[in-house]
């Protein structure tokens, strides 16, 4: 009889624990941050103010962009350094970088790198079909 009571109380305790609502503070959050890079090869330090703990993972599939987590100190927000190669095309290019902290919160960086403007690309220097010299003697 004593064993049956223990099993009943244990079963009730398990039901009560599993029926408790989850703590809203413990749910993970997801944020988006837009980043614009120039067409030239560049570096940018990005502060991830939405994240409160150290960076656990970085997901990036763009070959033209590298993402380097920086040292994290508990007194500030995590940071990443973005390093891009030059975009020699006239069209912009885009990618998403997903950064997750140790608590499971995520920031998706929506990165856009500008294309080369008209007249600034190396191909534009060679595209003129003229026999005229670039300068004239006075």
N, C-alpha and C. Protein backbone atom coordinates (compact mmCIF):
# COMPACT_ATOMS: atom_id res chain seq x y z
N UNK A 1 0.80 -1.18 0.00
CA UNK A 1 0.00 0.00 0.00
C UNK A 1 0.86 1.26 0.00
N UNK A 2 1.94 1.19 0.79
CA UNK A 2 2.85 2.32 0.87
C UNK A 2 3.49 2.58 -0.49
N UNK A 3 3.86 1.54 -1.23
CA UNK A 3 4.47 1.69 -2.55
C UNK A 3 3.50 2.30 -3.55
N UNK A 4 2.24 1.95 -3.45
CA UNK A 4 1.24 2.49 -4.38
C UNK A 4 1.10 3.99 -4.18
N UNK A 5 1.09 4.44 -2.93
CA UNK A 5 1.01 5.87 -2.65
C UNK A 5 2.23 6.61 -3.21
N UNK A 6 3.40 6.03 -3.06
CA UNK A 6 4.61 6.67 -3.59
C UNK A 6 4.53 6.81 -5.11
N UNK A 7 4.04 5.77 -5.77
CA UNK A 7 3.91 5.83 -7.23
C UNK A 7 2.87 6.88 -7.64
N UNK A 8 1.80 6.95 -6.89
CA UNK A 8 0.76 7.94 -7.21
C UNK A 8 1.30 9.36 -7.02
N UNK A 9 1.99 9.62 -5.91
CA UNK A 9 2.55 10.94 -5.67
C UNK A 9 3.63 11.28 -6.70
N UNK A 10 4.44 10.31 -7.05
CA UNK A 10 5.47 10.55 -8.07
C UNK A 10 4.83 10.87 -9.41
N UNK A 11 3.77 10.15 -9.75
CA UNK A 11 3.06 10.41 -11.02
C UNK A 11 2.44 11.79 -11.03
N UNK A 12 1.83 12.20 -9.93
CA UNK A 12 1.23 13.53 -9.84
C UNK A 12 2.31 14.61 -9.95
N UNK A 13 3.43 14.40 -9.29
CA UNK A 13 4.52 15.37 -9.35
C UNK A 13 5.05 15.51 -10.77
N UNK A 14 5.19 14.41 -11.48
CA UNK A 14 5.66 14.46 -12.87
C UNK A 14 4.66 15.21 -13.74
N UNK A 15 3.37 14.93 -13.57
CA UNK A 15 2.34 15.63 -14.33
C UNK A 15 2.36 17.13 -14.05
N UNK A 16 2.54 17.50 -12.80
CA UNK A 16 2.56 18.92 -12.45
C UNK A 16 3.77 19.61 -13.05
N UNK A 17 4.91 18.97 -13.04
CA UNK A 17 6.12 19.58 -13.60
C UNK A 17 6.04 19.72 -15.11
N UNK A 18 5.49 18.75 -15.79
CA UNK A 18 5.40 18.82 -17.25
C UNK A 18 4.29 19.75 -17.69
N UNK A 19 3.32 20.03 -16.83
CA UNK A 19 2.21 20.91 -17.19
C UNK A 19 2.53 22.38 -16.93
N UNK A 20 3.64 22.67 -16.26
CA UNK A 20 4.00 24.05 -15.98
C UNK A 20 4.30 24.79 -17.27
N UNK A 21 3.81 26.03 -17.41
CA UNK A 21 4.12 26.79 -18.62
C UNK A 21 5.60 27.12 -18.67
N UNK A 22 6.12 27.23 -19.88
CA UNK A 22 7.54 27.54 -20.02
C UNK A 22 7.80 28.99 -19.64
N UNK A 23 8.97 29.25 -19.18
CA UNK A 23 9.37 30.59 -18.79
C UNK A 23 9.58 31.43 -20.05
N UNK A 24 8.84 32.54 -20.24
CA UNK A 24 8.98 33.34 -21.45
C UNK A 24 10.37 33.93 -21.59
N UNK A 25 11.08 34.10 -20.48
CA UNK A 25 12.44 34.61 -20.54
C UNK A 25 13.40 33.60 -21.19
N UNK A 26 13.04 32.31 -21.14
CA UNK A 26 13.95 31.29 -21.65
C UNK A 26 13.75 31.00 -23.14
N UNK A 27 12.72 31.59 -23.77
CA UNK A 27 12.49 31.36 -25.19
C UNK A 27 13.53 32.11 -25.99
N UNK A 28 14.01 31.47 -27.06
CA UNK A 28 15.04 32.12 -27.88
C UNK A 28 14.42 33.19 -28.76
N UNK A 29 15.22 34.17 -29.09
CA UNK A 29 14.79 35.30 -29.91
C UNK A 29 15.57 35.30 -31.21
N UNK A 30 14.97 35.90 -32.25
CA UNK A 30 15.62 36.02 -33.55
C UNK A 30 15.48 37.45 -34.03
N UNK A 31 16.57 38.02 -34.52
CA UNK A 31 16.61 39.40 -34.97
C UNK A 31 17.24 39.47 -36.36
N UNK A 32 16.96 40.57 -37.06
CA UNK A 32 17.57 40.81 -38.37
C UNK A 32 18.25 42.17 -38.34
N UNK A 33 19.43 42.23 -38.94
CA UNK A 33 20.18 43.47 -39.01
C UNK A 33 20.68 43.64 -40.44
N UNK A 34 20.40 44.80 -41.06
CA UNK A 34 20.83 45.08 -42.44
C UNK A 34 22.21 45.71 -42.43
N UNK A 35 23.08 45.23 -43.32
CA UNK A 35 24.44 45.73 -43.46
C UNK A 35 24.68 46.08 -44.93
N UNK A 36 25.24 47.27 -45.19
CA UNK A 36 25.57 47.68 -46.56
C UNK A 36 27.09 47.87 -46.63
N UNK A 37 27.72 47.19 -47.59
CA UNK A 37 29.16 47.29 -47.79
C UNK A 37 29.45 47.97 -49.13
N UNK A 38 30.56 48.71 -49.22
CA UNK A 38 30.92 49.31 -50.50
C UNK A 38 31.42 48.24 -51.48
N UNK A 39 31.55 48.61 -52.74
CA UNK A 39 31.98 47.64 -53.75
C UNK A 39 33.45 47.26 -53.59
N UNK A 40 34.23 48.09 -52.93
CA UNK A 40 35.65 47.80 -52.73
C UNK A 40 35.83 46.72 -51.66
N UNK A 41 37.00 46.11 -51.65
CA UNK A 41 37.30 45.16 -50.57
C UNK A 41 37.30 45.95 -49.27
N UNK A 42 36.63 45.43 -48.26
CA UNK A 42 36.50 46.22 -47.03
C UNK A 42 36.36 45.34 -45.81
N UNK A 43 36.53 45.98 -44.65
CA UNK A 43 36.32 45.35 -43.35
C UNK A 43 35.34 46.21 -42.56
N UNK A 44 34.50 45.55 -41.78
CA UNK A 44 33.55 46.29 -40.94
C UNK A 44 33.36 45.52 -39.64
N UNK A 45 33.42 46.24 -38.53
CA UNK A 45 33.16 45.65 -37.23
C UNK A 45 31.69 45.89 -36.90
N UNK A 46 30.95 44.81 -36.64
CA UNK A 46 29.51 44.91 -36.39
C UNK A 46 29.23 44.49 -34.95
N UNK A 47 28.55 45.36 -34.21
CA UNK A 47 28.14 45.06 -32.84
C UNK A 47 26.77 44.41 -32.88
N UNK A 48 26.64 43.29 -32.21
CA UNK A 48 25.39 42.54 -32.16
C UNK A 48 24.71 42.82 -30.83
N UNK A 49 24.14 44.02 -30.71
CA UNK A 49 23.59 44.47 -29.44
C UNK A 49 22.40 43.64 -28.97
N UNK A 50 21.77 42.89 -29.87
CA UNK A 50 20.63 42.06 -29.49
C UNK A 50 21.07 40.81 -28.72
N UNK A 51 22.32 40.38 -28.91
CA UNK A 51 22.82 39.17 -28.24
C UNK A 51 23.44 39.54 -26.90
N UNK A 52 23.22 38.68 -25.92
CA UNK A 52 23.69 38.98 -24.56
C UNK A 52 24.79 38.04 -24.09
N UNK A 53 25.07 36.98 -24.85
CA UNK A 53 26.11 36.04 -24.45
C UNK A 53 27.08 35.84 -25.61
N UNK A 54 28.11 35.04 -25.40
CA UNK A 54 29.13 34.85 -26.42
C UNK A 54 28.60 34.12 -27.65
N UNK A 55 29.24 34.32 -28.78
CA UNK A 55 28.84 33.72 -30.04
C UNK A 55 29.17 32.24 -30.03
N UNK A 56 28.18 31.42 -30.36
CA UNK A 56 28.37 29.96 -30.40
C UNK A 56 28.61 29.48 -31.83
N UNK A 57 27.81 29.95 -32.79
CA UNK A 57 27.96 29.50 -34.18
C UNK A 57 27.78 30.66 -35.15
N UNK A 58 28.44 30.51 -36.31
CA UNK A 58 28.29 31.45 -37.42
C UNK A 58 28.03 30.64 -38.67
N UNK A 59 26.94 30.94 -39.38
CA UNK A 59 26.62 30.26 -40.64
C UNK A 59 26.71 31.28 -41.77
N UNK A 60 27.60 31.00 -42.73
CA UNK A 60 27.82 31.90 -43.85
C UNK A 60 28.18 31.07 -45.07
N UNK A 61 27.44 31.24 -46.17
CA UNK A 61 27.72 30.45 -47.37
C UNK A 61 28.29 31.29 -48.51
N UNK A 62 28.52 32.58 -48.27
CA UNK A 62 29.05 33.46 -49.33
C UNK A 62 30.57 33.34 -49.39
N UNK A 63 31.09 33.06 -50.57
CA UNK A 63 32.54 32.92 -50.72
C UNK A 63 33.24 34.27 -50.70
N UNK A 64 32.52 35.35 -50.95
CA UNK A 64 33.12 36.69 -51.01
C UNK A 64 33.15 37.40 -49.66
N UNK A 65 32.60 36.75 -48.64
CA UNK A 65 32.51 37.38 -47.32
C UNK A 65 33.01 36.43 -46.24
N UNK A 66 33.92 36.91 -45.40
CA UNK A 66 34.33 36.12 -44.24
C UNK A 66 33.82 36.81 -42.98
N UNK A 67 33.49 36.00 -41.98
CA UNK A 67 32.93 36.51 -40.73
C UNK A 67 33.78 35.97 -39.59
N UNK A 68 34.35 36.88 -38.82
CA UNK A 68 35.24 36.50 -37.72
C UNK A 68 34.67 37.00 -36.39
N UNK A 69 34.22 36.09 -35.50
CA UNK A 69 33.78 36.53 -34.17
C UNK A 69 34.95 37.17 -33.42
N UNK A 70 34.67 38.23 -32.71
CA UNK A 70 35.68 38.93 -31.93
C UNK A 70 35.59 38.50 -30.48
N UNK A 71 36.62 38.79 -29.71
CA UNK A 71 36.63 38.42 -28.29
C UNK A 71 35.42 39.05 -27.60
N UNK A 72 34.76 38.28 -26.75
CA UNK A 72 33.56 38.75 -26.06
C UNK A 72 33.86 38.95 -24.58
N UNK A 73 33.44 40.10 -24.08
CA UNK A 73 33.57 40.39 -22.66
C UNK A 73 32.16 40.63 -22.11
N UNK A 74 31.91 40.13 -20.92
CA UNK A 74 30.55 40.16 -20.36
C UNK A 74 30.01 41.58 -20.19
N UNK A 75 30.86 42.59 -20.24
CA UNK A 75 30.39 43.96 -20.04
C UNK A 75 29.86 44.60 -21.32
N UNK A 76 29.98 43.94 -22.46
CA UNK A 76 29.52 44.54 -23.71
C UNK A 76 28.77 43.55 -24.57
N UNK A 77 28.47 43.97 -25.79
CA UNK A 77 27.78 43.09 -26.74
C UNK A 77 28.79 42.37 -27.61
N UNK A 78 28.45 41.16 -28.08
CA UNK A 78 29.35 40.45 -28.98
C UNK A 78 29.53 41.23 -30.29
N UNK A 79 30.67 41.01 -30.93
CA UNK A 79 30.98 41.68 -32.20
C UNK A 79 31.52 40.66 -33.19
N UNK A 80 31.32 40.96 -34.48
CA UNK A 80 31.93 40.18 -35.55
C UNK A 80 32.60 41.13 -36.52
N UNK A 81 33.67 40.66 -37.15
CA UNK A 81 34.33 41.44 -38.19
C UNK A 81 33.97 40.83 -39.53
N UNK A 82 33.40 41.65 -40.42
CA UNK A 82 33.06 41.22 -41.78
C UNK A 82 34.18 41.69 -42.70
N UNK A 83 34.68 40.78 -43.54
CA UNK A 83 35.71 41.11 -44.52
C UNK A 83 35.21 40.66 -45.89
N UNK A 84 35.09 41.63 -46.81
CA UNK A 84 34.58 41.30 -48.14
C UNK A 84 35.66 41.51 -49.19
N UNK A 85 35.58 40.72 -50.25
CA UNK A 85 36.42 40.95 -51.41
C UNK A 85 35.74 41.99 -52.28
N UNK A 86 36.47 42.57 -53.22
CA UNK A 86 35.89 43.60 -54.08
C UNK A 86 34.82 42.99 -54.99
N UNK A 87 33.76 43.73 -55.19
CA UNK A 87 32.71 43.32 -56.12
C UNK A 87 32.97 44.06 -57.43
N UNK A 88 33.44 43.36 -58.44
CA UNK A 88 33.78 44.00 -59.71
C UNK A 88 32.61 44.02 -60.68
N UNK A 89 31.49 43.43 -60.29
CA UNK A 89 30.30 43.43 -61.14
C UNK A 89 29.53 44.74 -60.94
N UNK A 90 28.70 45.07 -61.90
CA UNK A 90 27.89 46.29 -61.78
C UNK A 90 26.65 46.08 -60.92
N UNK A 91 26.33 44.83 -60.65
CA UNK A 91 25.16 44.53 -59.82
C UNK A 91 25.59 44.25 -58.38
N UNK A 92 24.72 44.58 -57.45
CA UNK A 92 25.01 44.29 -56.06
C UNK A 92 24.88 42.80 -55.80
N UNK A 93 25.49 42.36 -54.72
CA UNK A 93 25.35 40.96 -54.32
C UNK A 93 24.93 40.91 -52.86
N UNK A 94 24.21 39.85 -52.52
CA UNK A 94 23.62 39.74 -51.19
C UNK A 94 23.87 38.36 -50.59
N UNK A 95 23.86 38.32 -49.27
CA UNK A 95 23.91 37.04 -48.55
C UNK A 95 23.35 37.25 -47.16
N UNK A 96 22.99 36.16 -46.52
CA UNK A 96 22.55 36.18 -45.12
C UNK A 96 23.57 35.44 -44.28
N UNK A 97 23.91 36.01 -43.14
CA UNK A 97 24.81 35.39 -42.18
C UNK A 97 24.03 35.21 -40.89
N UNK A 98 23.96 33.97 -40.39
CA UNK A 98 23.23 33.70 -39.16
C UNK A 98 24.22 33.49 -38.02
N UNK A 99 24.06 34.28 -36.98
CA UNK A 99 24.95 34.22 -35.82
C UNK A 99 24.10 33.85 -34.61
N UNK A 100 24.50 32.78 -33.91
CA UNK A 100 23.76 32.30 -32.75
C UNK A 100 24.63 32.41 -31.52
N UNK A 101 24.06 32.93 -30.43
CA UNK A 101 24.83 33.00 -29.19
C UNK A 101 24.62 31.75 -28.36
N UNK A 102 25.31 31.66 -27.24
CA UNK A 102 25.27 30.44 -26.42
C UNK A 102 23.91 30.20 -25.78
N UNK A 103 23.03 31.21 -25.74
CA UNK A 103 21.69 31.00 -25.18
C UNK A 103 20.69 30.58 -26.26
N UNK A 104 21.10 30.57 -27.53
CA UNK A 104 20.22 30.18 -28.62
C UNK A 104 19.61 31.35 -29.38
N UNK A 105 19.80 32.58 -28.89
CA UNK A 105 19.31 33.75 -29.62
C UNK A 105 20.10 33.92 -30.91
N UNK A 106 19.40 34.42 -31.97
CA UNK A 106 20.03 34.53 -33.28
C UNK A 106 19.91 35.94 -33.83
N UNK A 107 20.93 36.33 -34.59
CA UNK A 107 20.88 37.54 -35.40
C UNK A 107 21.20 37.12 -36.82
N UNK A 108 20.33 37.51 -37.76
CA UNK A 108 20.59 37.27 -39.17
C UNK A 108 21.05 38.59 -39.76
N UNK A 109 22.30 38.61 -40.23
CA UNK A 109 22.82 39.79 -40.91
C UNK A 109 22.46 39.67 -42.38
N UNK A 110 21.69 40.61 -42.87
CA UNK A 110 21.35 40.67 -44.29
C UNK A 110 22.37 41.60 -44.94
N UNK A 111 23.39 41.01 -45.56
CA UNK A 111 24.53 41.78 -46.08
C UNK A 111 24.35 42.04 -47.57
N UNK A 112 24.48 43.32 -47.95
CA UNK A 112 24.44 43.72 -49.35
C UNK A 112 25.74 44.44 -49.67
N UNK A 113 26.40 44.01 -50.73
CA UNK A 113 27.60 44.71 -51.20
C UNK A 113 27.26 45.39 -52.51
N UNK A 114 27.52 46.67 -52.56
CA UNK A 114 27.21 47.46 -53.75
C UNK A 114 28.00 46.96 -54.96
N UNK A 115 27.44 47.17 -56.14
CA UNK A 115 28.15 46.90 -57.37
C UNK A 115 28.99 48.10 -57.77
N UNK A 116 29.85 47.90 -58.76
CA UNK A 116 30.71 48.97 -59.25
C UNK A 116 29.86 49.97 -60.03
N UNK A 117 30.03 51.25 -59.77
CA UNK A 117 29.28 52.28 -60.49
C UNK A 117 29.80 52.42 -61.91
N UNK A 118 28.97 52.95 -62.80
CA UNK A 118 29.39 53.21 -64.18
C UNK A 118 30.64 54.06 -64.19
N UNK A 119 31.59 53.67 -65.02
CA UNK A 119 32.80 54.47 -65.19
C UNK A 119 33.88 54.24 -64.15
N UNK A 120 33.66 53.32 -63.21
CA UNK A 120 34.68 53.09 -62.19
C UNK A 120 35.33 51.72 -62.29
N UNK A 121 34.80 50.85 -63.12
CA UNK A 121 35.36 49.51 -63.26
C UNK A 121 36.54 49.49 -64.22
N UNK A 122 37.41 48.51 -64.09
CA UNK A 122 38.58 48.38 -64.96
C UNK A 122 38.16 48.15 -66.41
N UNK A 123 37.04 47.46 -66.62
CA UNK A 123 36.57 47.23 -67.98
C UNK A 123 36.17 48.53 -68.66
N UNK A 124 35.67 49.49 -67.88
CA UNK A 124 35.27 50.77 -68.46
C UNK A 124 36.46 51.55 -68.98
N UNK A 125 37.64 51.35 -68.38
CA UNK A 125 38.83 52.05 -68.85
C UNK A 125 39.24 51.57 -70.24
N UNK A 126 38.96 50.33 -70.56
CA UNK A 126 39.37 49.75 -71.84
C UNK A 126 38.24 49.68 -72.85
N UNK A 127 37.06 50.16 -72.49
CA UNK A 127 35.92 49.97 -73.37
C UNK A 127 35.78 51.05 -74.44
N UNK A 128 36.45 52.17 -74.29
CA UNK A 128 36.29 53.22 -75.30
C UNK A 128 37.06 52.84 -76.57
N UNK A 129 36.39 52.93 -77.68
CA UNK A 129 36.97 52.60 -78.98
C UNK A 129 37.39 53.90 -79.67
N UNK A 130 38.50 54.46 -79.29
CA UNK A 130 38.94 55.73 -79.86
C UNK A 130 40.43 55.69 -80.14
N UNK A 131 40.84 56.43 -81.14
CA UNK A 131 42.25 56.54 -81.47
C UNK A 131 42.83 57.84 -80.93
N UNK A 132 42.03 58.63 -80.28
CA UNK A 132 42.47 59.92 -79.76
C UNK A 132 43.30 59.70 -78.50
N UNK A 133 44.35 60.49 -78.35
CA UNK A 133 45.16 60.37 -77.13
C UNK A 133 44.37 60.88 -75.93
N UNK A 134 44.77 60.43 -74.76
CA UNK A 134 44.10 60.84 -73.53
C UNK A 134 44.43 62.26 -73.16
N UNK A 135 45.48 62.85 -73.75
CA UNK A 135 45.86 64.22 -73.45
C UNK A 135 46.21 64.92 -74.76
N UNK A 136 46.37 66.24 -74.70
CA UNK A 136 46.68 67.01 -75.89
C UNK A 136 47.72 68.05 -75.51
N UNK A 137 48.74 68.24 -76.36
CA UNK A 137 49.75 69.27 -76.11
C UNK A 137 49.20 70.63 -76.45
N UNK A 138 49.57 71.61 -75.68
CA UNK A 138 49.13 72.98 -75.92
C UNK A 138 50.24 73.78 -76.56
